[in-house]
Amino acid sequence: MAKVSNTSLVQLSAGSRAVVRQLRGGKDFGSRLAAMGLSVGSNLEVLQNSRHDSPVLILVRDTRIALGHGEALKILVEESEHNYKETDQ
């Protein structure tokens, strides 16, 4: 079985699904994300990511969250094997 490595949230394309594995910010950063429903172990879907220093839009627990590029860099995720775009459903 191949070892799965964690990657930064900014590396994922729209339609990707992932699980949060690590938050690399301070206590305040983690607390703020937890208040929005994003914590280690959370499943998420990337709705928008142009990868050009613009916000990353994700869906977590039926909530859309916009993260700055710098914030998204601090969130390490494990990409799920089953990625899709809404047009594929």
PDB file of N, CA and C in Angstrom:
ATOM      1  N   MET A   1       0.843  -1.176   0.000  1.00  0.00           N
ATOM      2  CA  MET A   1       0.000   0.000   0.000  1.00  0.00           C
ATOM      3  C   MET A   1       0.888   1.239   0.000  1.00  0.00           C
ATOM      4  N   ALA A   2       0.592   2.168  -0.863  1.00  0.00           N
ATOM      5  CA  ALA A   2       1.396   3.377  -0.985  1.00  0.00           C
ATOM      6  C   ALA A   2       1.144   4.320   0.184  1.00  0.00           C
ATOM      7  N   LYS A   3       2.196   4.952   0.646  1.00  0.00           N
ATOM      8  CA  LYS A   3       2.074   5.921   1.727  1.00  0.00           C
ATOM      9  C   LYS A   3       1.477   7.215   1.164  1.00  0.00           C
ATOM     10  N   VAL A   4       0.469   7.736   1.869  1.00  0.00           N
ATOM     11  CA  VAL A   4      -0.182   8.970   1.433  1.00  0.00           C
ATOM     12  C   VAL A   4       0.466  10.120   2.187  1.00  0.00           C
ATOM     13  N   SER A   5       0.914  11.127   1.460  1.00  0.00           N
ATOM     14  CA  SER A   5       1.533  12.268   2.116  1.00  0.00           C
ATOM     15  C   SER A   5       0.538  13.416   2.209  1.00  0.00           C
ATOM     16  N   ASN A   6       0.744  14.223   3.221  1.00  0.00           N
ATOM     17  CA  ASN A   6      -0.108  15.390   3.402  1.00  0.00           C
ATOM     18  C   ASN A   6       0.374  16.509   2.502  1.00  0.00           C
ATOM     19  N   THR A   7      -0.574  17.301   2.054  1.00  0.00           N
ATOM     20  CA  THR A   7      -0.262  18.426   1.187  1.00  0.00           C
ATOM     21  C   THR A   7      -0.999  19.648   1.690  1.00  0.00           C
ATOM     22  N   SER A   8      -0.542  20.794   1.297  1.00  0.00           N
ATOM     23  CA  SER A   8      -1.198  22.037   1.687  1.00  0.00           C
ATOM     24  C   SER A   8      -2.508  22.197   0.925  1.00  0.00           C
ATOM     25  N   LEU A   9      -3.490  22.782   1.574  1.00  0.00           N
ATOM     26  CA  LEU A   9      -4.796  22.993   0.967  1.00  0.00           C
ATOM     27  C   LEU A   9      -4.696  23.790  -0.342  1.00  0.00           C
ATOM     28  N   VAL A  10      -3.739  24.691  -0.450  1.00  0.00           N
ATOM     29  CA  VAL A  10      -3.626  25.504  -1.670  1.00  0.00           C
ATOM     30  C   VAL A  10      -3.246  24.680  -2.895  1.00  0.00           C
ATOM     31  N   GLN A  11      -2.756  23.469  -2.700  1.00  0.00           N
ATOM     32  CA  GLN A  11      -2.358  22.616  -3.817  1.00  0.00           C
ATOM     33  C   GLN A  11      -3.534  21.900  -4.486  1.00  0.00           C
ATOM     34  N   LEU A  12      -4.696  21.892  -3.855  1.00  0.00           N
ATOM     35  CA  LEU A  12      -5.838  21.160  -4.382  1.00  0.00           C
ATOM     36  C   LEU A  12      -6.639  21.987  -5.375  1.00  0.00           C
ATOM     37  N   SER A  13      -7.175  21.312  -6.358  1.00  0.00           N
ATOM     38  CA  SER A  13      -8.001  21.958  -7.381  1.00  0.00           C
ATOM     39  C   SER A  13      -9.467  21.928  -6.963  1.00  0.00           C
ATOM     40  N   ALA A  14     -10.262  22.777  -7.581  1.00  0.00           N
ATOM     41  CA  ALA A  14     -11.704  22.773  -7.351  1.00  0.00           C
ATOM     42  C   ALA A  14     -12.243  21.384  -7.665  1.00  0.00           C
ATOM     43  N   GLY A  15     -13.137  20.897  -6.814  1.00  0.00           N
ATOM     44  CA  GLY A  15     -13.698  19.570  -6.975  1.00  0.00           C
ATOM     45  C   GLY A  15     -12.990  18.520  -6.149  1.00  0.00           C
ATOM     46  N   SER A  16     -11.818  18.856  -5.609  1.00  0.00           N
ATOM     47  CA  SER A  16     -11.070  17.911  -4.778  1.00  0.00           C
ATOM     48  C   SER A  16     -11.720  17.785  -3.411  1.00  0.00           C
ATOM     49  N   ARG A  17     -11.626  16.587  -2.864  1.00  0.00           N
ATOM     50  CA  ARG A  17     -12.088  16.326  -1.502  1.00  0.00           C
ATOM     51  C   ARG A  17     -10.889  15.887  -0.682  1.00  0.00           C
ATOM     52  N   ALA A  18     -10.903  16.249   0.607  1.00  0.00           N
ATOM     53  CA  ALA A  18      -9.767  15.925   1.461  1.00  0.00           C
ATOM     54  C   ALA A  18     -10.200  15.868   2.917  1.00  0.00           C
ATOM     55  N   VAL A  19      -9.288  15.373   3.745  1.00  0.00           N
ATOM     56  CA  VAL A  19      -9.467  15.334   5.190  1.00  0.00           C
ATOM     57  C   VAL A  19      -8.360  16.173   5.804  1.00  0.00           C
ATOM     58  N   VAL A  20      -8.702  17.038   6.747  1.00  0.00           N
ATOM     59  CA  VAL A  20      -7.706  17.873   7.418  1.00  0.00           C
ATOM     60  C   VAL A  20      -6.866  16.988   8.324  1.00  0.00           C
ATOM     61  N   ARG A  21      -5.554  17.056   8.173  1.00  0.00           N
ATOM     62  CA  ARG A  21      -4.632  16.249   8.972  1.00  0.00           C
ATOM     63  C   ARG A  21      -3.820  17.071   9.967  1.00  0.00           C
ATOM     64  N   GLN A  22      -3.568  18.352   9.647  1.00  0.00           N
ATOM     65  CA  GLN A  22      -2.763  19.173  10.555  1.00  0.00           C
ATOM     66  C   GLN A  22      -3.040  20.644  10.293  1.00  0.00           C
ATOM     67  N   LEU A  23      -3.048  21.426  11.381  1.00  0.00           N
ATOM     68  CA  LEU A  23      -3.157  22.879  11.283  1.00  0.00           C
ATOM     69  C   LEU A  23      -1.842  23.455  11.772  1.00  0.00           C
ATOM     70  N   ARG A  24      -1.171  24.205  10.910  1.00  0.00           N
ATOM     71  CA  ARG A  24       0.157  24.732  11.243  1.00  0.00           C
ATOM     72  C   ARG A  24       0.113  26.196  11.634  1.00  0.00           C
ATOM     73  N   GLY A  25      -0.849  26.574  12.381  1.00  0.00           N
ATOM     74  CA  GLY A  25      -0.923  27.944  12.873  1.00  0.00           C
ATOM     75  C   GLY A  25      -0.876  27.917  14.386  1.00  0.00           C
ATOM     76  N   GLY A  26      -0.945  29.062  14.967  1.00  0.00           N
ATOM     77  CA  GLY A  26      -0.943  29.127  16.420  1.00  0.00           C
ATOM     78  C   GLY A  26      -2.285  28.734  17.011  1.00  0.00           C
ATOM     79  N   LYS A  27      -2.377  28.877  18.323  1.00  0.00           N
ATOM     80  CA  LYS A  27      -3.590  28.523  19.045  1.00  0.00           C
ATOM     81  C   LYS A  27      -4.787  29.352  18.567  1.00  0.00           C
ATOM     82  N   ASP A  28      -4.586  30.638  18.359  1.00  0.00           N
ATOM     83  CA  ASP A  28      -5.680  31.503  17.896  1.00  0.00           C
ATOM     84  C   ASP A  28      -6.165  31.089  16.510  1.00  0.00           C
ATOM     85  N   PHE A  29      -5.249  30.718  15.638  1.00  0.00           N
ATOM     86  CA  PHE A  29      -5.601  30.275  14.290  1.00  0.00           C
ATOM     87  C   PHE A  29      -6.467  29.024  14.359  1.00  0.00           C
ATOM     88  N   GLY A  30      -6.027  28.040  15.133  1.00  0.00           N
ATOM     89  CA  GLY A  30      -6.781  26.801  15.287  1.00  0.00           C
ATOM     90  C   GLY A  30      -8.145  27.025  15.905  1.00  0.00           C
ATOM     91  N   SER A  31      -8.213  27.903  16.882  1.00  0.00           N
ATOM     92  CA  SER A  31      -9.489  28.203  17.538  1.00  0.00           C
ATOM     93  C   SER A  31     -10.454  28.884  16.580  1.00  0.00           C
ATOM     94  N   ARG A  32      -9.940  29.787  15.767  1.00  0.00           N
ATOM     95  CA  ARG A  32     -10.800  30.492  14.806  1.00  0.00           C
ATOM     96  C   ARG A  32     -11.349  29.523  13.769  1.00  0.00           C
ATOM     97  N   LEU A  33     -10.505  28.629  13.284  1.00  0.00           N
ATOM     98  CA  LEU A  33     -10.967  27.644  12.307  1.00  0.00           C
ATOM     99  C   LEU A  33     -11.975  26.682  12.936  1.00  0.00           C
ATOM    100  N   ALA A  34     -11.726  26.266  14.170  1.00  0.00           N
ATOM    101  CA  ALA A  34     -12.647  25.357  14.863  1.00  0.00           C
ATOM    102  C   ALA A  34     -14.016  26.011  15.039  1.00  0.00           C
ATOM    103  N   ALA A  35     -14.032  27.306  15.290  1.00  0.00           N
ATOM    104  CA  ALA A  35     -15.299  28.022  15.443  1.00  0.00           C
ATOM    105  C   ALA A  35     -16.104  28.026  14.141  1.00  0.00           C
ATOM    106  N   MET A  36     -15.410  27.888  13.016  1.00  0.00           N
ATOM    107  CA  MET A  36     -16.088  27.831  11.715  1.00  0.00           C
ATOM    108  C   MET A  36     -16.399  26.390  11.308  1.00  0.00           C
ATOM    109  N   GLY A  37     -15.990  25.418  12.130  1.00  0.00           N
ATOM    110  CA  GLY A  37     -16.271  24.022  11.832  1.00  0.00           C
ATOM    111  C   GLY A  37     -15.137  23.279  11.164  1.00  0.00           C
ATOM    112  N   LEU A  38     -13.965  23.889  11.082  1.00  0.00           N
ATOM    113  CA  LEU A  38     -12.817  23.265  10.427  1.00  0.00           C
ATOM    114  C   LEU A  38     -11.794  22.864  11.482  1.00  0.00           C
ATOM    115  N   SER A  39     -11.588  21.572  11.631  1.00  0.00           N
ATOM    116  CA  SER A  39     -10.629  21.059  12.609  1.00  0.00           C
ATOM    117  C   SER A  39      -9.975  19.803  12.046  1.00  0.00           C
ATOM    118  N   VAL A  40      -8.969  19.307  12.747  1.00  0.00           N
ATOM    119  CA  VAL A  40      -8.289  18.080  12.314  1.00  0.00           C
ATOM    120  C   VAL A  40      -9.330  16.959  12.256  1.00  0.00           C
ATOM    121  N   GLY A  41      -9.348  16.252  11.134  1.00  0.00           N
ATOM    122  CA  GLY A  41     -10.315  15.177  10.929  1.00  0.00           C
ATOM    123  C   GLY A  41     -11.528  15.595  10.118  1.00  0.00           C
ATOM    124  N   SER A  42     -11.695  16.893   9.886  1.00  0.00           N
ATOM    125  CA  SER A  42     -12.841  17.382   9.104  1.00  0.00           C
ATOM    126  C   SER A  42     -12.698  17.002   7.640  1.00  0.00           C
ATOM    127  N   ASN A  43     -13.808  16.609   7.031  1.00  0.00           N
ATOM    128  CA  ASN A  43     -13.854  16.377   5.591  1.00  0.00           C
ATOM    129  C   ASN A  43     -14.191  17.690   4.915  1.00  0.00           C
ATOM    130  N   LEU A  44     -13.585  17.943   3.783  1.00  0.00           N
ATOM    131  CA  LEU A  44     -13.867  19.183   3.069  1.00  0.00           C
ATOM    132  C   LEU A  44     -13.862  18.946   1.568  1.00  0.00           C
ATOM    133  N   GLU A  45     -14.464  19.884   0.871  1.00  0.00           N
ATOM    134  CA  GLU A  45     -14.435  19.896  -0.589  1.00  0.00           C
ATOM    135  C   GLU A  45     -13.966  21.279  -1.027  1.00  0.00           C
ATOM    136  N   VAL A  46     -13.060  21.332  -1.977  1.00  0.00           N
ATOM    137  CA  VAL A  46     -12.586  22.605  -2.510  1.00  0.00           C
ATOM    138  C   VAL A  46     -13.580  23.060  -3.578  1.00  0.00           C
ATOM    139  N   LEU A  47     -14.171  24.223  -3.367  1.00  0.00           N
ATOM    140  CA  LEU A  47     -15.134  24.771  -4.324  1.00  0.00           C
ATOM    141  C   LEU A  47     -14.454  25.687  -5.334  1.00  0.00           C
ATOM    142  N   GLN A  48     -13.432  26.414  -4.866  1.00  0.00           N
ATOM    143  CA  GLN A  48     -12.739  27.354  -5.750  1.00  0.00           C
ATOM    144  C   GLN A  48     -11.307  27.535  -5.280  1.00  0.00           C
ATOM    145  N   ASN A  49     -10.372  27.454  -6.211  1.00  0.00           N
ATOM    146  CA  ASN A  49      -8.968  27.695  -5.899  1.00  0.00           C
ATOM    147  C   ASN A  49      -8.233  28.020  -7.189  1.00  0.00           C
ATOM    148  N   SER A  50      -7.967  29.295  -7.394  1.00  0.00           N
ATOM    149  CA  SER A  50      -7.268  29.691  -8.615  1.00  0.00           C
ATOM    150  C   SER A  50      -5.750  29.633  -8.446  1.00  0.00           C
ATOM    151  N   ARG A  51      -5.280  29.417  -7.205  1.00  0.00           N
ATOM    152  CA  ARG A  51      -3.844  29.309  -6.885  1.00  0.00           C
ATOM    153  C   ARG A  51      -3.039  30.561  -7.218  1.00  0.00           C
ATOM    154  N   HIS A  52      -3.680  31.694  -7.262  1.00  0.00           N
ATOM    155  CA  HIS A  52      -2.952  32.929  -7.550  1.00  0.00           C
ATOM    156  C   HIS A  52      -3.176  33.950  -6.447  1.00  0.00           C
ATOM    157  N   ASP A  53      -2.885  33.541  -5.214  1.00  0.00           N
ATOM    158  CA  ASP A  53      -3.008  34.408  -4.047  1.00  0.00           C
ATOM    159  C   ASP A  53      -4.434  34.915  -3.806  1.00  0.00           C
ATOM    160  N   SER A  54      -5.426  34.300  -4.406  1.00  0.00           N
ATOM    161  CA  SER A  54      -6.811  34.675  -4.138  1.00  0.00           C
ATOM    162  C   SER A  54      -7.377  33.703  -3.095  1.00  0.00           C
ATOM    163  N   PRO A  55      -8.504  34.046  -2.481  1.00  0.00           N
ATOM    164  CA  PRO A  55      -9.073  33.172  -1.455  1.00  0.00           C
ATOM    165  C   PRO A  55      -9.395  31.775  -1.985  1.00  0.00           C
ATOM    166  N   VAL A  56      -9.294  30.816  -1.088  1.00  0.00           N
ATOM    167  CA  VAL A  56      -9.662  29.436  -1.378  1.00  0.00           C
ATOM    168  C   VAL A  56     -11.035  29.224  -0.741  1.00  0.00           C
ATOM    169  N   LEU A  57     -11.991  28.793  -1.523  1.00  0.00           N
ATOM    170  CA  LEU A  57     -13.345  28.570  -1.027  1.00  0.00           C
ATOM    171  C   LEU A  57     -13.547  27.079  -0.833  1.00  0.00           C
ATOM    172  N   ILE A  58     -13.929  26.702   0.405  1.00  0.00           N
ATOM    173  CA  ILE A  58     -14.139  25.292   0.714  1.00  0.00           C
ATOM    174  C   ILE A  58     -15.520  25.079   1.320  1.00  0.00           C
ATOM    175  N   LEU A  59     -15.968  23.837   1.270  1.00  0.00           N
ATOM    176  CA  LEU A  59     -17.230  23.438   1.885  1.00  0.00           C
ATOM    177  C   LEU A  59     -16.908  22.458   2.997  1.00  0.00           C
ATOM    178  N   VAL A  60     -17.306  22.814   4.224  1.00  0.00           N
ATOM    179  CA  VAL A  60     -17.074  21.978   5.403  1.00  0.00           C
ATOM    180  C   VAL A  60     -18.368  21.918   6.198  1.00  0.00           C
ATOM    181  N   ARG A  61     -18.899  20.724   6.393  1.00  0.00           N
ATOM    182  CA  ARG A  61     -20.116  20.536   7.198  1.00  0.00           C
ATOM    183  C   ARG A  61     -21.232  21.475   6.757  1.00  0.00           C
ATOM    184  N   ASP A  62     -21.510  21.501   5.465  1.00  0.00           N
ATOM    185  CA  ASP A  62     -22.564  22.328   4.868  1.00  0.00           C
ATOM    186  C   ASP A  62     -22.344  23.829   5.041  1.00  0.00           C
ATOM    187  N   THR A  63     -21.101  24.231   5.299  1.00  0.00           N
ATOM    188  CA  THR A  63     -20.760  25.642   5.449  1.00  0.00           C
ATOM    189  C   THR A  63     -19.655  26.000   4.464  1.00  0.00           C
ATOM    190  N   ARG A  64     -19.859  27.088   3.733  1.00  0.00           N
ATOM    191  CA  ARG A  64     -18.815  27.584   2.828  1.00  0.00           C
ATOM    192  C   ARG A  64     -17.893  28.505   3.606  1.00  0.00           C
ATOM    193  N   ILE A  65     -16.597  28.268   3.459  1.00  0.00           N
ATOM    194  CA  ILE A  65     -15.598  29.066   4.165  1.00  0.00           C
ATOM    195  C   ILE A  65     -14.595  29.594   3.158  1.00  0.00           C
ATOM    196  N   ALA A  66     -14.333  30.887   3.208  1.00  0.00           N
ATOM    197  CA  ALA A  66     -13.304  31.502   2.360  1.00  0.00           C
ATOM    198  C   ALA A  66     -12.058  31.704   3.215  1.00  0.00           C
ATOM    199  N   LEU A  67     -10.947  31.161   2.752  1.00  0.00           N
ATOM    200  CA  LEU A  67      -9.671  31.275   3.446  1.00  0.00           C
ATOM    201  C   LEU A  67      -8.682  32.044   2.596  1.00  0.00           C
ATOM    202  N   GLY A  68      -7.915  32.897   3.233  1.00  0.00           N
ATOM    203  CA  GLY A  68      -6.849  33.578   2.522  1.00  0.00           C
ATOM    204  C   GLY A  68      -5.787  32.572   2.095  1.00  0.00           C
ATOM    205  N   HIS A  69      -5.025  32.940   1.088  1.00  0.00           N
ATOM    206  CA  HIS A  69      -3.978  32.052   0.568  1.00  0.00           C
ATOM    207  C   HIS A  69      -3.003  31.647   1.676  1.00  0.00           C
ATOM    208  N   GLY A  70      -2.594  32.590   2.501  1.00  0.00           N
ATOM    209  CA  GLY A  70      -1.667  32.304   3.598  1.00  0.00           C
ATOM    210  C   GLY A  70      -2.264  31.354   4.617  1.00  0.00           C
ATOM    211  N   GLU A  71      -3.560  31.491   4.896  1.00  0.00           N
ATOM    212  CA  GLU A  71      -4.236  30.577   5.821  1.00  0.00           C
ATOM    213  C   GLU A  71      -4.286  29.170   5.244  1.00  0.00           C
ATOM    214  N   ALA A  72      -4.639  29.074   3.971  1.00  0.00           N
ATOM    215  CA  ALA A  72      -4.749  27.774   3.310  1.00  0.00           C
ATOM    216  C   ALA A  72      -3.401  27.055   3.260  1.00  0.00           C
ATOM    217  N   LEU A  73      -2.315  27.803   3.203  1.00  0.00           N
ATOM    218  CA  LEU A  73      -0.979  27.196   3.219  1.00  0.00           C
ATOM    219  C   LEU A  73      -0.708  26.466   4.529  1.00  0.00           C
ATOM    220  N   LYS A  74      -1.328  26.916   5.627  1.00  0.00           N
ATOM    221  CA  LYS A  74      -1.095  26.350   6.952  1.00  0.00           C
ATOM    222  C   LYS A  74      -1.969  25.144   7.255  1.00  0.00           C
ATOM    223  N   ILE A  75      -2.852  24.777   6.324  1.00  0.00           N
ATOM    224  CA  ILE A  75      -3.753  23.653   6.536  1.00  0.00           C
ATOM    225  C   ILE A  75      -3.260  22.478   5.696  1.00  0.00           C
ATOM    226  N   LEU A  76      -2.806  21.426   6.365  1.00  0.00           N
ATOM    227  CA  LEU A  76      -2.335  20.235   5.670  1.00  0.00           C
ATOM    228  C   LEU A  76      -3.467  19.227   5.594  1.00  0.00           C
ATOM    229  N   VAL A  77      -3.657  18.684   4.413  1.00  0.00           N
ATOM    230  CA  VAL A  77      -4.768  17.761   4.166  1.00  0.00           C
ATOM    231  C   VAL A  77      -4.269  16.493   3.492  1.00  0.00           C
ATOM    232  N   GLU A  78      -5.085  15.466   3.571  1.00  0.00           N
ATOM    233  CA  GLU A  78      -4.856  14.229   2.844  1.00  0.00           C
ATOM    234  C   GLU A  78      -5.967  14.142   1.811  1.00  0.00           C
ATOM    235  N   GLU A  79      -5.602  14.181   0.559  1.00  0.00           N
ATOM    236  CA  GLU A  79      -6.600  14.176  -0.507  1.00  0.00           C
ATOM    237  C   GLU A  79      -7.297  12.824  -0.581  1.00  0.00           C
ATOM    238  N   SER A  80      -8.618  12.858  -0.731  1.00  0.00           N
ATOM    239  CA  SER A  80      -9.402  11.634  -0.879  1.00  0.00           C
ATOM    240  C   SER A  80      -9.254  11.120  -2.295  1.00  0.00           C
ATOM    241  N   GLU A  81      -9.428   9.821  -2.455  1.00  0.00           N
ATOM    242  CA  GLU A  81      -9.318   9.222  -3.782  1.00  0.00           C
ATOM    243  C   GLU A  81     -10.475   9.617  -4.684  1.00  0.00           C
ATOM    244  N   HIS A  82     -11.630   9.861  -4.114  1.00  0.00           N
ATOM    245  CA  HIS A  82     -12.827  10.139  -4.914  1.00  0.00           C
ATOM    246  C   HIS A  82     -13.056  11.635  -5.020  1.00  0.00           C
ATOM    247  N   ASN A  83     -12.539  12.229  -6.061  1.00  0.00           N
ATOM    248  CA  ASN A  83     -12.746  13.647  -6.344  1.00  0.00           C
ATOM    249  C   ASN A  83     -13.752  13.785  -7.465  1.00  0.00           C
ATOM    250  N   TYR A  84     -14.505  14.847  -7.425  1.00  0.00           N
ATOM    251  CA  TYR A  84     -15.487  15.052  -8.479  1.00  0.00           C
ATOM    252  C   TYR A  84     -15.799  16.531  -8.586  1.00  0.00           C
ATOM    253  N   LYS A  85     -16.368  16.867  -9.700  1.00  0.00           N
ATOM    254  CA  LYS A  85     -16.913  18.200  -9.904  1.00  0.00           C
ATOM    255  C   LYS A  85     -18.410  18.035 -10.006  1.00  0.00           C
ATOM    256  N   GLU A  86     -19.156  19.070  -9.698  1.00  0.00           N
ATOM    257  CA  GLU A  86     -20.609  18.958  -9.693  1.00  0.00           C
ATOM    258  C   GLU A  86     -21.159  18.502 -11.021  1.00  0.00           C
ATOM    259  N   THR A  87     -20.468  18.772 -12.107  1.00  0.00           N
ATOM    260  CA  THR A  87     -20.936  18.349 -13.429  1.00  0.00           C
ATOM    261  C   THR A  87     -20.826  16.854 -13.608  1.00  0.00           C
ATOM    262  N   ASP A  88     -20.020  16.175 -12.754  1.00  0.00           N
ATOM    263  CA  ASP A  88     -19.836  14.730 -12.868  1.00  0.00           C
ATOM    264  C   ASP A  88     -20.957  13.932 -12.184  1.00  0.00           C
ATOM    265  N   GLN A  89     -21.758  14.596 -11.383  1.00  0.00           N
ATOM    266  CA  GLN A  89     -22.791  13.875 -10.633  1.00  0.00           C
ATOM    267  C   GLN A  89     -23.943  13.465 -11.486  1.00  0.00           C
TER     268      GLN A  89
END
